[in-house]
């Protein structure tokens, strides 16, 4: 999958990277852009759009997240994948993971695509 900014005239069939709201119309995250979307984008003076161009044998983000979470989760953890593109891994019992606030913050600065949180009393 190639993610890039594209000229609005070349986005037909590409996947919208973020949800877009235009005059009461919503282009959902992950939607394949169609002619109606392009017309609306042009009417709103949007000339470029960040999209995902699928390649042969690509998997969608839900499948990719499911595969990743299945590998990360172990005993006493579970996961869910939301339509918002977020994977949530949770403990199924208390005390599974303990982490200092500083290390948690350091991990969260690494990428906007992964976030780690702990709750009291498991913050050290």
PDB file of N, CA and C in Angstrom:
ATOM      1  N   UNK A   1       0.850  -1.160   0.000  1.00  0.00           N
ATOM      2  CA  UNK A   1       0.000   0.000   0.000  1.00  0.00           C
ATOM      3  C   UNK A   1       0.905   1.235   0.000  1.00  0.00           C
ATOM      4  N   UNK A   2       0.582   2.153  -0.853  1.00  0.00           N
ATOM      5  CA  UNK A   2       1.337   3.410  -0.929  1.00  0.00           C
ATOM      6  C   UNK A   2       0.439   4.520  -0.426  1.00  0.00           C
ATOM      7  N   UNK A   3       0.906   5.256   0.562  1.00  0.00           N
ATOM      8  CA  UNK A   3       0.155   6.372   1.120  1.00  0.00           C
ATOM      9  C   UNK A   3       0.859   7.655   0.717  1.00  0.00           C
ATOM     10  N   UNK A   4       0.101   8.549   0.102  1.00  0.00           N
ATOM     11  CA  UNK A   4       0.699   9.776  -0.405  1.00  0.00           C
ATOM     12  C   UNK A   4      -0.372  10.821  -0.649  1.00  0.00           C
ATOM     13  N   UNK A   5       0.080  12.026  -0.951  1.00  0.00           N
ATOM     14  CA  UNK A   5      -0.820  13.090  -1.345  1.00  0.00           C
ATOM     15  C   UNK A   5      -0.997  13.013  -2.856  1.00  0.00           C
ATOM     16  N   UNK A   6      -2.251  13.041  -3.305  1.00  0.00           N
ATOM     17  CA  UNK A   6      -2.560  12.912  -4.726  1.00  0.00           C
ATOM     18  C   UNK A   6      -3.350  14.111  -5.203  1.00  0.00           C
ATOM     19  N   UNK A   7      -3.191  14.453  -6.464  1.00  0.00           N
ATOM     20  CA  UNK A   7      -4.026  15.447  -7.116  1.00  0.00           C
ATOM     21  C   UNK A   7      -5.453  14.907  -7.107  1.00  0.00           C
ATOM     22  N   UNK A   8      -6.425  15.761  -6.817  1.00  0.00           N
ATOM     23  CA  UNK A   8      -7.822  15.323  -6.703  1.00  0.00           C
ATOM     24  C   UNK A   8      -8.334  14.689  -8.001  1.00  0.00           C
ATOM     25  N   UNK A   9      -7.734  15.036  -9.121  1.00  0.00           N
ATOM     26  CA  UNK A   9      -8.139  14.438 -10.402  1.00  0.00           C
ATOM     27  C   UNK A   9      -7.669  12.990 -10.552  1.00  0.00           C
ATOM     28  N   UNK A  10      -6.814  12.526  -9.629  1.00  0.00           N
ATOM     29  CA  UNK A  10      -6.260  11.173  -9.742  1.00  0.00           C
ATOM     30  C   UNK A  10      -6.574  10.288  -8.541  1.00  0.00           C
ATOM     31  N   UNK A  11      -7.606  10.652  -7.770  1.00  0.00           N
ATOM     32  CA  UNK A  11      -7.902   9.889  -6.546  1.00  0.00           C
ATOM     33  C   UNK A  11      -9.029   8.867  -6.698  1.00  0.00           C
ATOM     34  N   UNK A  12      -9.660   8.792  -7.850  1.00  0.00           N
ATOM     35  CA  UNK A  12     -10.757   7.840  -8.024  1.00  0.00           C
ATOM     36  C   UNK A  12     -10.259   6.413  -7.761  1.00  0.00           C
ATOM     37  N   UNK A  13     -10.964   5.717  -6.885  1.00  0.00           N
ATOM     38  CA  UNK A  13     -10.612   4.343  -6.546  1.00  0.00           C
ATOM     39  C   UNK A  13      -9.597   4.208  -5.428  1.00  0.00           C
ATOM     40  N   UNK A  14      -8.995   5.329  -4.993  1.00  0.00           N
ATOM     41  CA  UNK A  14      -8.055   5.284  -3.873  1.00  0.00           C
ATOM     42  C   UNK A  14      -8.831   5.366  -2.566  1.00  0.00           C
ATOM     43  N   UNK A  15      -8.210   4.980  -1.475  1.00  0.00           N
ATOM     44  CA  UNK A  15      -8.877   4.990  -0.167  1.00  0.00           C
ATOM     45  C   UNK A  15      -8.564   6.278   0.587  1.00  0.00           C
ATOM     46  N   UNK A  16      -9.618   6.893   1.074  1.00  0.00           N
ATOM     47  CA  UNK A  16      -9.492   8.121   1.854  1.00  0.00           C
ATOM     48  C   UNK A  16      -8.783   7.799   3.170  1.00  0.00           C
ATOM     49  N   UNK A  17      -7.792   8.601   3.518  1.00  0.00           N
ATOM     50  CA  UNK A  17      -6.969   8.327   4.694  1.00  0.00           C
ATOM     51  C   UNK A  17      -7.590   8.843   5.989  1.00  0.00           C
ATOM     52  N   UNK A  18      -8.389   9.891   5.893  1.00  0.00           N
ATOM     53  CA  UNK A  18      -9.043  10.477   7.063  1.00  0.00           C
ATOM     54  C   UNK A  18     -10.485  10.825   6.726  1.00  0.00           C
ATOM     55  N   UNK A  19     -11.314  10.886   7.729  1.00  0.00           N
ATOM     56  CA  UNK A  19     -12.699  11.289   7.523  1.00  0.00           C
ATOM     57  C   UNK A  19     -12.750  12.769   7.131  1.00  0.00           C
ATOM     58  N   UNK A  20     -13.558  13.090   6.113  1.00  0.00           N
ATOM     59  CA  UNK A  20     -13.669  14.464   5.616  1.00  0.00           C
ATOM     60  C   UNK A  20     -15.140  14.878   5.662  1.00  0.00           C
ATOM     61  N   UNK A  21     -15.400  16.047   6.223  1.00  0.00           N
ATOM     62  CA  UNK A  21     -16.761  16.593   6.301  1.00  0.00           C
ATOM     63  C   UNK A  21     -16.854  17.798   5.379  1.00  0.00           C
ATOM     64  N   UNK A  22     -17.783  17.749   4.415  1.00  0.00           N
ATOM     65  CA  UNK A  22     -17.971  18.839   3.455  1.00  0.00           C
ATOM     66  C   UNK A  22     -19.460  19.135   3.293  1.00  0.00           C
ATOM     67  N   UNK A  23     -19.892  20.277   3.769  1.00  0.00           N
ATOM     68  CA  UNK A  23     -21.274  20.729   3.585  1.00  0.00           C
ATOM     69  C   UNK A  23     -22.313  19.652   3.893  1.00  0.00           C
ATOM     70  N   UNK A  24     -22.202  19.023   5.032  1.00  0.00           N
ATOM     71  CA  UNK A  24     -23.175  18.014   5.431  1.00  0.00           C
ATOM     72  C   UNK A  24     -22.950  16.641   4.832  1.00  0.00           C
ATOM     73  N   UNK A  25     -21.919  16.485   4.021  1.00  0.00           N
ATOM     74  CA  UNK A  25     -21.587  15.196   3.409  1.00  0.00           C
ATOM     75  C   UNK A  25     -20.283  14.709   4.024  1.00  0.00           C
ATOM     76  N   UNK A  26     -20.215  13.428   4.322  1.00  0.00           N
ATOM     77  CA  UNK A  26     -19.009  12.864   4.930  1.00  0.00           C
ATOM     78  C   UNK A  26     -18.396  11.817   4.013  1.00  0.00           C
ATOM     79  N   UNK A  27     -17.094  11.962   3.791  1.00  0.00           N
ATOM     80  CA  UNK A  27     -16.317  10.915   3.117  1.00  0.00           C
ATOM     81  C   UNK A  27     -15.627  10.160   4.238  1.00  0.00           C
ATOM     82  N   UNK A  28     -16.021   8.925   4.454  1.00  0.00           N
ATOM     83  CA  UNK A  28     -15.530   8.137   5.587  1.00  0.00           C
ATOM     84  C   UNK A  28     -14.076   7.710   5.384  1.00  0.00           C
ATOM     85  N   UNK A  29     -13.380   7.589   6.490  1.00  0.00           N
ATOM     86  CA  UNK A  29     -12.018   7.059   6.466  1.00  0.00           C
ATOM     87  C   UNK A  29     -12.067   5.651   5.878  1.00  0.00           C
ATOM     88  N   UNK A  30     -11.198   5.373   4.922  1.00  0.00           N
ATOM     89  CA  UNK A  30     -11.130   4.053   4.312  1.00  0.00           C
ATOM     90  C   UNK A  30     -12.035   3.871   3.105  1.00  0.00           C
ATOM     91  N   UNK A  31     -12.911   4.852   2.817  1.00  0.00           N
ATOM     92  CA  UNK A  31     -13.833   4.749   1.678  1.00  0.00           C
ATOM     93  C   UNK A  31     -13.058   4.890   0.377  1.00  0.00           C
ATOM     94  N   UNK A  32     -13.464   4.104  -0.619  1.00  0.00           N
ATOM     95  CA  UNK A  32     -12.900   4.283  -1.950  1.00  0.00           C
ATOM     96  C   UNK A  32     -13.530   5.523  -2.569  1.00  0.00           C
ATOM     97  N   UNK A  33     -12.688   6.439  -3.014  1.00  0.00           N
ATOM     98  CA  UNK A  33     -13.161   7.703  -3.579  1.00  0.00           C
ATOM     99  C   UNK A  33     -13.847   7.438  -4.915  1.00  0.00           C
ATOM    100  N   UNK A  34     -15.050   8.026  -5.076  1.00  0.00           N
ATOM    101  CA  UNK A  34     -15.790   7.870  -6.335  1.00  0.00           C
ATOM    102  C   UNK A  34     -15.993   9.233  -7.000  1.00  0.00           C
ATOM    103  N   UNK A  35     -16.678   9.240  -8.135  1.00  0.00           N
ATOM    104  CA  UNK A  35     -16.890  10.482  -8.896  1.00  0.00           C
ATOM    105  C   UNK A  35     -17.632  11.537  -8.083  1.00  0.00           C
ATOM    106  N   UNK A  36     -18.634  11.123  -7.304  1.00  0.00           N
ATOM    107  CA  UNK A  36     -19.398  12.063  -6.481  1.00  0.00           C
ATOM    108  C   UNK A  36     -18.476  12.750  -5.470  1.00  0.00           C
ATOM    109  N   UNK A  37     -17.579  11.972  -4.854  1.00  0.00           N
ATOM    110  CA  UNK A  37     -16.629  12.531  -3.887  1.00  0.00           C
ATOM    111  C   UNK A  37     -15.712  13.552  -4.560  1.00  0.00           C
ATOM    112  N   UNK A  38     -15.205  13.202  -5.734  1.00  0.00           N
ATOM    113  CA  UNK A  38     -14.291  14.087  -6.464  1.00  0.00           C
ATOM    114  C   UNK A  38     -14.988  15.394  -6.818  1.00  0.00           C
ATOM    115  N   UNK A  39     -16.220  15.306  -7.273  1.00  0.00           N
ATOM    116  CA  UNK A  39     -16.987  16.506  -7.624  1.00  0.00           C
ATOM    117  C   UNK A  39     -17.147  17.414  -6.404  1.00  0.00           C
ATOM    118  N   UNK A  40     -17.466  16.809  -5.255  1.00  0.00           N
ATOM    119  CA  UNK A  40     -17.639  17.582  -4.034  1.00  0.00           C
ATOM    120  C   UNK A  40     -16.318  18.202  -3.568  1.00  0.00           C
ATOM    121  N   UNK A  41     -15.238  17.459  -3.676  1.00  0.00           N
ATOM    122  CA  UNK A  41     -13.925  17.991  -3.300  1.00  0.00           C
ATOM    123  C   UNK A  41     -13.567  19.205  -4.153  1.00  0.00           C
ATOM    124  N   UNK A  42     -13.803  19.094  -5.456  1.00  0.00           N
ATOM    125  CA  UNK A  42     -13.503  20.206  -6.365  1.00  0.00           C
ATOM    126  C   UNK A  42     -14.367  21.428  -6.054  1.00  0.00           C
ATOM    127  N   UNK A  43     -15.660  21.206  -5.772  1.00  0.00           N
ATOM    128  CA  UNK A  43     -16.561  22.315  -5.436  1.00  0.00           C
ATOM    129  C   UNK A  43     -16.100  23.045  -4.181  1.00  0.00           C
ATOM    130  N   UNK A  44     -15.392  22.346  -3.314  1.00  0.00           N
ATOM    131  CA  UNK A  44     -14.897  22.926  -2.070  1.00  0.00           C
ATOM    132  C   UNK A  44     -13.428  23.349  -2.172  1.00  0.00           C
ATOM    133  N   UNK A  45     -12.952  23.495  -3.407  1.00  0.00           N
ATOM    134  CA  UNK A  45     -11.583  23.961  -3.675  1.00  0.00           C
ATOM    135  C   UNK A  45     -10.498  23.110  -3.016  1.00  0.00           C
ATOM    136  N   UNK A  46     -10.745  21.818  -2.934  1.00  0.00           N
ATOM    137  CA  UNK A  46      -9.720  20.897  -2.435  1.00  0.00           C
ATOM    138  C   UNK A  46      -9.035  20.301  -3.661  1.00  0.00           C
ATOM    139  N   UNK A  47      -7.750  20.593  -3.783  1.00  0.00           N
ATOM    140  CA  UNK A  47      -7.001  20.194  -4.971  1.00  0.00           C
ATOM    141  C   UNK A  47      -6.120  18.970  -4.749  1.00  0.00           C
ATOM    142  N   UNK A  48      -5.808  18.680  -3.491  1.00  0.00           N
ATOM    143  CA  UNK A  48      -4.968  17.522  -3.173  1.00  0.00           C
ATOM    144  C   UNK A  48      -5.582  16.778  -2.004  1.00  0.00           C
ATOM    145  N   UNK A  49      -5.361  15.472  -1.984  1.00  0.00           N
ATOM    146  CA  UNK A  49      -5.938  14.638  -0.944  1.00  0.00           C
ATOM    147  C   UNK A  49      -4.952  13.536  -0.589  1.00  0.00           C
ATOM    148  N   UNK A  50      -4.796  13.285   0.708  1.00  0.00           N
ATOM    149  CA  UNK A  50      -3.918  12.210   1.173  1.00  0.00           C
ATOM    150  C   UNK A  50      -4.715  10.916   1.135  1.00  0.00           C
ATOM    151  N   UNK A  51      -4.255   9.953   0.340  1.00  0.00           N
ATOM    152  CA  UNK A  51      -4.982   8.693   0.136  1.00  0.00           C
ATOM    153  C   UNK A  51      -4.034   7.506   0.200  1.00  0.00           C
ATOM    154  N   UNK A  52      -4.633   6.341   0.266  1.00  0.00           N
ATOM    155  CA  UNK A  52      -3.889   5.089   0.220  1.00  0.00           C
ATOM    156  C   UNK A  52      -4.190   4.401  -1.110  1.00  0.00           C
ATOM    157  N   UNK A  53      -3.141   4.061  -1.818  1.00  0.00           N
ATOM    158  CA  UNK A  53      -3.267   3.351  -3.086  1.00  0.00           C
ATOM    159  C   UNK A  53      -2.938   1.885  -2.832  1.00  0.00           C
ATOM    160  N   UNK A  54      -3.933   1.038  -3.034  1.00  0.00           N
ATOM    161  CA  UNK A  54      -3.737  -0.379  -2.759  1.00  0.00           C
ATOM    162  C   UNK A  54      -2.931  -1.044  -3.860  1.00  0.00           C
ATOM    163  N   UNK A  55      -2.140  -2.002  -3.445  1.00  0.00           N
ATOM    164  CA  UNK A  55      -1.341  -2.784  -4.375  1.00  0.00           C
ATOM    165  C   UNK A  55      -1.818  -4.231  -4.328  1.00  0.00           C
ATOM    166  N   UNK A  56      -1.391  -5.007  -5.269  1.00  0.00           N
ATOM    167  CA  UNK A  56      -1.761  -6.411  -5.347  1.00  0.00           C
ATOM    168  C   UNK A  56      -1.428  -7.113  -4.028  1.00  0.00           C
ATOM    169  N   UNK A  57      -2.341  -7.893  -3.507  1.00  0.00           N
ATOM    170  CA  UNK A  57      -2.193  -8.676  -2.278  1.00  0.00           C
ATOM    171  C   UNK A  57      -2.181  -7.851  -0.996  1.00  0.00           C
ATOM    172  N   UNK A  58      -2.592  -6.578  -1.062  1.00  0.00           N
ATOM    173  CA  UNK A  58      -2.719  -5.778   0.156  1.00  0.00           C
ATOM    174  C   UNK A  58      -3.863  -6.315   1.007  1.00  0.00           C
ATOM    175  N   UNK A  59      -3.750  -6.112   2.306  1.00  0.00           N
ATOM    176  CA  UNK A  59      -4.852  -6.423   3.217  1.00  0.00           C
ATOM    177  C   UNK A  59      -5.350  -5.101   3.800  1.00  0.00           C
ATOM    178  N   UNK A  60      -6.620  -5.045   4.190  1.00  0.00           N
ATOM    179  CA  UNK A  60      -7.122  -3.800   4.773  1.00  0.00           C
ATOM    180  C   UNK A  60      -6.596  -3.636   6.199  1.00  0.00           C
ATOM    181  N   UNK A  61      -6.780  -2.440   6.753  1.00  0.00           N
ATOM    182  CA  UNK A  61      -6.172  -2.144   8.045  1.00  0.00           C
ATOM    183  C   UNK A  61      -6.743  -3.001   9.169  1.00  0.00           C
ATOM    184  N   UNK A  62      -8.033  -3.384   9.082  1.00  0.00           N
ATOM    185  CA  UNK A  62      -8.593  -4.216  10.142  1.00  0.00           C
ATOM    186  C   UNK A  62      -7.901  -5.588  10.184  1.00  0.00           C
ATOM    187  N   UNK A  63      -7.665  -6.173   9.024  1.00  0.00           N
ATOM    188  CA  UNK A  63      -6.995  -7.476   8.976  1.00  0.00           C
ATOM    189  C   UNK A  63      -5.561  -7.351   9.471  1.00  0.00           C
ATOM    190  N   UNK A  64      -4.863  -6.297   9.042  1.00  0.00           N
ATOM    191  CA  UNK A  64      -3.480  -6.091   9.477  1.00  0.00           C
ATOM    192  C   UNK A  64      -3.405  -5.904  10.995  1.00  0.00           C
ATOM    193  N   UNK A  65      -4.322  -5.115  11.549  1.00  0.00           N
ATOM    194  CA  UNK A  65      -4.337  -4.906  12.993  1.00  0.00           C
ATOM    195  C   UNK A  65      -4.664  -6.198  13.736  1.00  0.00           C
ATOM    196  N   UNK A  66      -5.611  -6.963  13.211  1.00  0.00           N
ATOM    197  CA  UNK A  66      -5.959  -8.244  13.838  1.00  0.00           C
ATOM    198  C   UNK A  66      -4.744  -9.179  13.888  1.00  0.00           C
ATOM    199  N   UNK A  67      -4.007  -9.241  12.791  1.00  0.00           N
ATOM    200  CA  UNK A  67      -2.821 -10.103  12.739  1.00  0.00           C
ATOM    201  C   UNK A  67      -1.761  -9.632  13.741  1.00  0.00           C
ATOM    202  N   UNK A  68      -1.556  -8.325  13.815  1.00  0.00           N
ATOM    203  CA  UNK A  68      -0.578  -7.767  14.746  1.00  0.00           C
ATOM    204  C   UNK A  68      -0.988  -8.028  16.191  1.00  0.00           C
ATOM    205  N   UNK A  69      -2.244  -7.732  16.517  1.00  0.00           N
ATOM    206  CA  UNK A  69      -2.714  -7.908  17.894  1.00  0.00           C
ATOM    207  C   UNK A  69      -2.682  -9.370  18.330  1.00  0.00           C
ATOM    208  N   UNK A  70      -3.000 -10.259  17.422  1.00  0.00           N
ATOM    209  CA  UNK A  70      -2.964 -11.691  17.753  1.00  0.00           C
ATOM    210  C   UNK A  70      -1.552 -12.115  18.154  1.00  0.00           C
ATOM    211  N   UNK A  71      -0.548 -11.502  17.532  1.00  0.00           N
ATOM    212  CA  UNK A  71       0.839 -11.815  17.880  1.00  0.00           C
ATOM    213  C   UNK A  71       1.263 -11.145  19.188  1.00  0.00           C
ATOM    214  N   UNK A  72       0.725  -9.963  19.466  1.00  0.00           N
ATOM    215  CA  UNK A  72       1.106  -9.224  20.673  1.00  0.00           C
ATOM    216  C   UNK A  72       0.418  -9.735  21.929  1.00  0.00           C
ATOM    217  N   UNK A  73      -0.822 -10.174  21.788  1.00  0.00           N
ATOM    218  CA  UNK A  73      -1.593 -10.592  22.954  1.00  0.00           C
ATOM    219  C   UNK A  73      -1.150 -11.961  23.447  1.00  0.00           C
ATOM    220  N   UNK A  74      -1.138 -12.063  24.725  1.00  0.00           N
ATOM    221  CA  UNK A  74      -0.809 -13.340  25.351  1.00  0.00           C
ATOM    222  C   UNK A  74      -1.829 -13.648  26.424  1.00  0.00           C
ATOM    223  N   UNK A  75      -1.400 -14.425  27.376  1.00  0.00           N
ATOM    224  CA  UNK A  75      -2.266 -14.803  28.486  1.00  0.00           C
ATOM    225  C   UNK A  75      -2.727 -13.556  29.235  1.00  0.00           C
ATOM    226  N   UNK A  76      -3.957 -13.510  29.600  1.00  0.00           N
ATOM    227  CA  UNK A  76      -4.568 -12.431  30.387  1.00  0.00           C
ATOM    228  C   UNK A  76      -4.734 -11.121  29.616  1.00  0.00           C
ATOM    229  N   UNK A  77      -4.714 -11.185  28.285  1.00  0.00           N
ATOM    230  CA  UNK A  77      -4.973  -9.996  27.479  1.00  0.00           C
ATOM    231  C   UNK A  77      -5.965 -10.344  26.371  1.00  0.00           C
ATOM    232  N   UNK A  78      -6.628  -9.308  25.874  1.00  0.00           N
ATOM    233  CA  UNK A  78      -7.578  -9.461  24.772  1.00  0.00           C
ATOM    234  C   UNK A  78      -7.480  -8.209  23.912  1.00  0.00           C
ATOM    235  N   UNK A  79      -8.019  -8.279  22.708  1.00  0.00           N
ATOM    236  CA  UNK A  79      -7.979  -7.103  21.841  1.00  0.00           C
ATOM    237  C   UNK A  79      -9.284  -6.936  21.087  1.00  0.00           C
ATOM    238  N   UNK A  80      -9.497  -5.702  20.627  1.00  0.00           N
ATOM    239  CA  UNK A  80     -10.620  -5.411  19.745  1.00  0.00           C
ATOM    240  C   UNK A  80     -10.135  -4.409  18.708  1.00  0.00           C
ATOM    241  N   UNK A  81     -10.733  -4.461  17.532  1.00  0.00           N
ATOM    242  CA  UNK A  81     -10.388  -3.557  16.438  1.00  0.00           C
ATOM    243  C   UNK A  81     -11.619  -2.710  16.148  1.00  0.00           C
ATOM    244  N   UNK A  82     -11.475  -1.387  16.242  1.00  0.00           N
ATOM    245  CA  UNK A  82     -12.598  -0.492  15.995  1.00  0.00           C
ATOM    246  C   UNK A  82     -12.662  -0.047  14.546  1.00  0.00           C
ATOM    247  N   UNK A  83     -13.821   0.408  14.131  1.00  0.00           N
ATOM    248  CA  UNK A  83     -13.979   0.955  12.778  1.00  0.00           C
ATOM    249  C   UNK A  83     -13.178   2.233  12.596  1.00  0.00           C
ATOM    250  N   UNK A  84     -12.718   2.814  13.706  1.00  0.00           N
ATOM    251  CA  UNK A  84     -11.940   4.048  13.655  1.00  0.00           C
ATOM    252  C   UNK A  84     -10.466   3.797  13.343  1.00  0.00           C
ATOM    253  N   UNK A  85     -10.094   2.520  13.160  1.00  0.00           N
ATOM    254  CA  UNK A  85      -8.698   2.210  12.847  1.00  0.00           C
ATOM    255  C   UNK A  85      -7.839   2.041  14.082  1.00  0.00           C
ATOM    256  N   UNK A  86      -8.462   1.941  15.248  1.00  0.00           N
ATOM    257  CA  UNK A  86      -7.714   1.777  16.490  1.00  0.00           C
ATOM    258  C   UNK A  86      -7.816   0.337  16.980  1.00  0.00           C
ATOM    259  N   UNK A  87      -6.688  -0.193  17.383  1.00  0.00           N
ATOM    260  CA  UNK A  87      -6.654  -1.503  18.024  1.00  0.00           C
ATOM    261  C   UNK A  87      -6.517  -1.256  19.522  1.00  0.00           C
ATOM    262  N   UNK A  88      -7.322  -1.925  20.288  1.00  0.00           N
ATOM    263  CA  UNK A  88      -7.272  -1.763  21.735  1.00  0.00           C
ATOM    264  C   UNK A  88      -6.932  -3.117  22.358  1.00  0.00           C
ATOM    265  N   UNK A  89      -5.822  -3.134  23.060  1.00  0.00           N
ATOM    266  CA  UNK A  89      -5.397  -4.331  23.784  1.00  0.00           C
ATOM    267  C   UNK A  89      -5.615  -4.051  25.255  1.00  0.00           C
ATOM    268  N   UNK A  90      -6.330  -4.925  25.906  1.00  0.00           N
ATOM    269  CA  UNK A  90      -6.666  -4.708  27.314  1.00  0.00           C
ATOM    270  C   UNK A  90      -6.298  -5.944  28.135  1.00  0.00           C
ATOM    271  N   UNK A  91      -6.066  -5.700  29.418  1.00  0.00           N
ATOM    272  CA  UNK A  91      -5.815  -6.792  30.356  1.00  0.00           C
ATOM    273  C   UNK A  91      -7.155  -7.385  30.776  1.00  0.00           C
ATOM    274  N   UNK A  92      -7.204  -8.689  30.891  1.00  0.00           N
ATOM    275  CA  UNK A  92      -8.428  -9.345  31.345  1.00  0.00           C
ATOM    276  C   UNK A  92      -8.389  -9.636  32.842  1.00  0.00           C
ATOM    277  N   UNK A  93      -7.278  -9.240  33.478  1.00  0.00           N
ATOM    278  CA  UNK A  93      -7.172  -9.334  34.926  1.00  0.00           C
ATOM    279  C   UNK A  93      -6.239  -8.232  35.401  1.00  0.00           C
ATOM    280  N   UNK A  94      -6.305  -7.903  36.670  1.00  0.00           N
ATOM    281  CA  UNK A  94      -5.479  -6.836  37.234  1.00  0.00           C
ATOM    282  C   UNK A  94      -4.004  -7.223  37.278  1.00  0.00           C
ATOM    283  N   UNK A  95      -3.149  -6.198  37.112  1.00  0.00           N
ATOM    284  CA  UNK A  95      -1.717  -6.368  37.325  1.00  0.00           C
ATOM    285  C   UNK A  95      -0.955  -7.041  36.209  1.00  0.00           C
ATOM    286  N   UNK A  96      -1.497  -7.116  35.008  1.00  0.00           N
ATOM    287  CA  UNK A  96      -0.820  -7.782  33.893  1.00  0.00           C
ATOM    288  C   UNK A  96       0.395  -6.984  33.433  1.00  0.00           C
ATOM    289  N   UNK A  97       0.296  -5.665  33.479  1.00  0.00           N
ATOM    290  CA  UNK A  97       1.349  -4.808  32.953  1.00  0.00           C
ATOM    291  C   UNK A  97       1.560  -3.642  33.899  1.00  0.00           C
ATOM    292  N   UNK A  98       2.799  -3.410  34.288  1.00  0.00           N
ATOM    293  CA  UNK A  98       3.141  -2.257  35.121  1.00  0.00           C
ATOM    294  C   UNK A  98       4.242  -1.491  34.411  1.00  0.00           C
ATOM    295  N   UNK A  99       4.133  -0.167  34.422  1.00  0.00           N
ATOM    296  CA  UNK A  99       5.082   0.643  33.665  1.00  0.00           C
ATOM    297  C   UNK A  99       5.189   2.020  34.299  1.00  0.00           C
ATOM    298  N   UNK A 100       6.391   2.606  34.272  1.00  0.00           N
ATOM    299  CA  UNK A 100       6.550   3.969  34.783  1.00  0.00           C
ATOM    300  C   UNK A 100       5.936   4.949  33.802  1.00  0.00           C
ATOM    301  N   UNK A 101       5.462   6.078  34.325  1.00  0.00           N
ATOM    302  CA  UNK A 101       4.875   7.101  33.461  1.00  0.00           C
ATOM    303  C   UNK A 101       5.878   7.581  32.418  1.00  0.00           C
ATOM    304  N   UNK A 102       7.137   7.705  32.811  1.00  0.00           N
ATOM    305  CA  UNK A 102       8.187   8.193  31.897  1.00  0.00           C
ATOM    306  C   UNK A 102       8.383   7.234  30.717  1.00  0.00           C
ATOM    307  N   UNK A 103       8.443   5.944  30.998  1.00  0.00           N
ATOM    308  CA  UNK A 103       8.634   4.958  29.916  1.00  0.00           C
ATOM    309  C   UNK A 103       7.408   4.904  29.008  1.00  0.00           C
ATOM    310  N   UNK A 104       6.231   5.019  29.607  1.00  0.00           N
ATOM    311  CA  UNK A 104       4.988   5.030  28.831  1.00  0.00           C
ATOM    312  C   UNK A 104       4.972   6.246  27.903  1.00  0.00           C
ATOM    313  N   UNK A 105       5.352   7.414  28.423  1.00  0.00           N
ATOM    314  CA  UNK A 105       5.390   8.642  27.617  1.00  0.00           C
ATOM    315  C   UNK A 105       6.419   8.516  26.495  1.00  0.00           C
ATOM    316  N   UNK A 106       7.554   7.911  26.778  1.00  0.00           N
ATOM    317  CA  UNK A 106       8.599   7.710  25.760  1.00  0.00           C
ATOM    318  C   UNK A 106       8.076   6.829  24.632  1.00  0.00           C
ATOM    319  N   UNK A 107       7.384   5.752  24.978  1.00  0.00           N
ATOM    320  CA  UNK A 107       6.800   4.870  23.964  1.00  0.00           C
ATOM    321  C   UNK A 107       5.794   5.640  23.111  1.00  0.00           C
ATOM    322  N   UNK A 108       4.953   6.445  23.730  1.00  0.00           N
ATOM    323  CA  UNK A 108       3.903   7.170  23.015  1.00  0.00           C
ATOM    324  C   UNK A 108       4.447   8.257  22.094  1.00  0.00           C
ATOM    325  N   UNK A 109       5.662   8.732  22.331  1.00  0.00           N
ATOM    326  CA  UNK A 109       6.289   9.707  21.433  1.00  0.00           C
ATOM    327  C   UNK A 109       6.829   9.052  20.166  1.00  0.00           C
ATOM    328  N   UNK A 110       6.978   7.750  20.169  1.00  0.00           N
ATOM    329  CA  UNK A 110       7.556   7.022  19.041  1.00  0.00           C
ATOM    330  C   UNK A 110       6.708   7.148  17.774  1.00  0.00           C
ATOM    331  N   UNK A 111       5.398   7.062  17.901  1.00  0.00           N
ATOM    332  CA  UNK A 111       4.526   7.096  16.731  1.00  0.00           C
ATOM    333  C   UNK A 111       3.109   7.488  17.130  1.00  0.00           C
ATOM    334  N   UNK A 112       2.407   8.141  16.207  1.00  0.00           N
ATOM    335  CA  UNK A 112       0.996   8.450  16.432  1.00  0.00           C
ATOM    336  C   UNK A 112       0.118   7.221  16.223  1.00  0.00           C
ATOM    337  N   UNK A 113       0.682   6.152  15.714  1.00  0.00           N
ATOM    338  CA  UNK A 113      -0.096   4.971  15.368  1.00  0.00           C
ATOM    339  C   UNK A 113      -0.166   3.944  16.490  1.00  0.00           C
ATOM    340  N   UNK A 114       0.575   4.155  17.566  1.00  0.00           N
ATOM    341  CA  UNK A 114       0.532   3.226  18.694  1.00  0.00           C
ATOM    342  C   UNK A 114       0.540   4.040  19.984  1.00  0.00           C
ATOM    343  N   UNK A 115      -0.306   3.665  20.922  1.00  0.00           N
ATOM    344  CA  UNK A 115      -0.390   4.391  22.177  1.00  0.00           C
ATOM    345  C   UNK A 115      -0.492   3.372  23.309  1.00  0.00           C
ATOM    346  N   UNK A 116       0.187   3.668  24.396  1.00  0.00           N
ATOM    347  CA  UNK A 116       0.214   2.776  25.547  1.00  0.00           C
ATOM    348  C   UNK A 116      -0.284   3.540  26.766  1.00  0.00           C
ATOM    349  N   UNK A 117      -1.189   2.949  27.506  1.00  0.00           N
ATOM    350  CA  UNK A 117      -1.703   3.566  28.728  1.00  0.00           C
ATOM    351  C   UNK A 117      -1.757   2.530  29.834  1.00  0.00           C
ATOM    352  N   UNK A 118      -1.482   2.979  31.034  1.00  0.00           N
ATOM    353  CA  UNK A 118      -1.706   2.146  32.213  1.00  0.00           C
ATOM    354  C   UNK A 118      -2.607   2.938  33.151  1.00  0.00           C
ATOM    355  N   UNK A 119      -3.257   2.265  34.043  1.00  0.00           N
ATOM    356  CA  UNK A 119      -4.127   2.943  35.000  1.00  0.00           C
ATOM    357  C   UNK A 119      -3.654   2.628  36.421  1.00  0.00           C
ATOM    358  N   UNK A 120      -3.927   3.537  37.333  1.00  0.00           N
ATOM    359  CA  UNK A 120      -3.556   3.329  38.738  1.00  0.00           C
ATOM    360  C   UNK A 120      -4.257   2.074  39.228  1.00  0.00           C
ATOM    361  N   UNK A 121      -3.658   1.262  40.031  1.00  0.00           N
ATOM    362  CA  UNK A 121      -2.384   1.456  40.727  1.00  0.00           C
ATOM    363  C   UNK A 121      -1.180   0.851  39.982  1.00  0.00           C
ATOM    364  N   UNK A 122      -1.304   0.618  38.667  1.00  0.00           N
ATOM    365  CA  UNK A 122      -0.234  -0.071  37.940  1.00  0.00           C
ATOM    366  C   UNK A 122       0.757   0.871  37.286  1.00  0.00           C
ATOM    367  N   UNK A 123       0.613   2.180  37.545  1.00  0.00           N
ATOM    368  CA  UNK A 123       1.634   3.122  37.124  1.00  0.00           C
ATOM    369  C   UNK A 123       2.696   3.131  38.216  1.00  0.00           C
ATOM    370  N   UNK A 124       3.941   3.090  37.820  1.00  0.00           N
ATOM    371  CA  UNK A 124       5.023   3.076  38.829  1.00  0.00           C
ATOM    372  C   UNK A 124       5.730   4.402  38.852  1.00  0.00           C
TER     373      UNK A 124
END
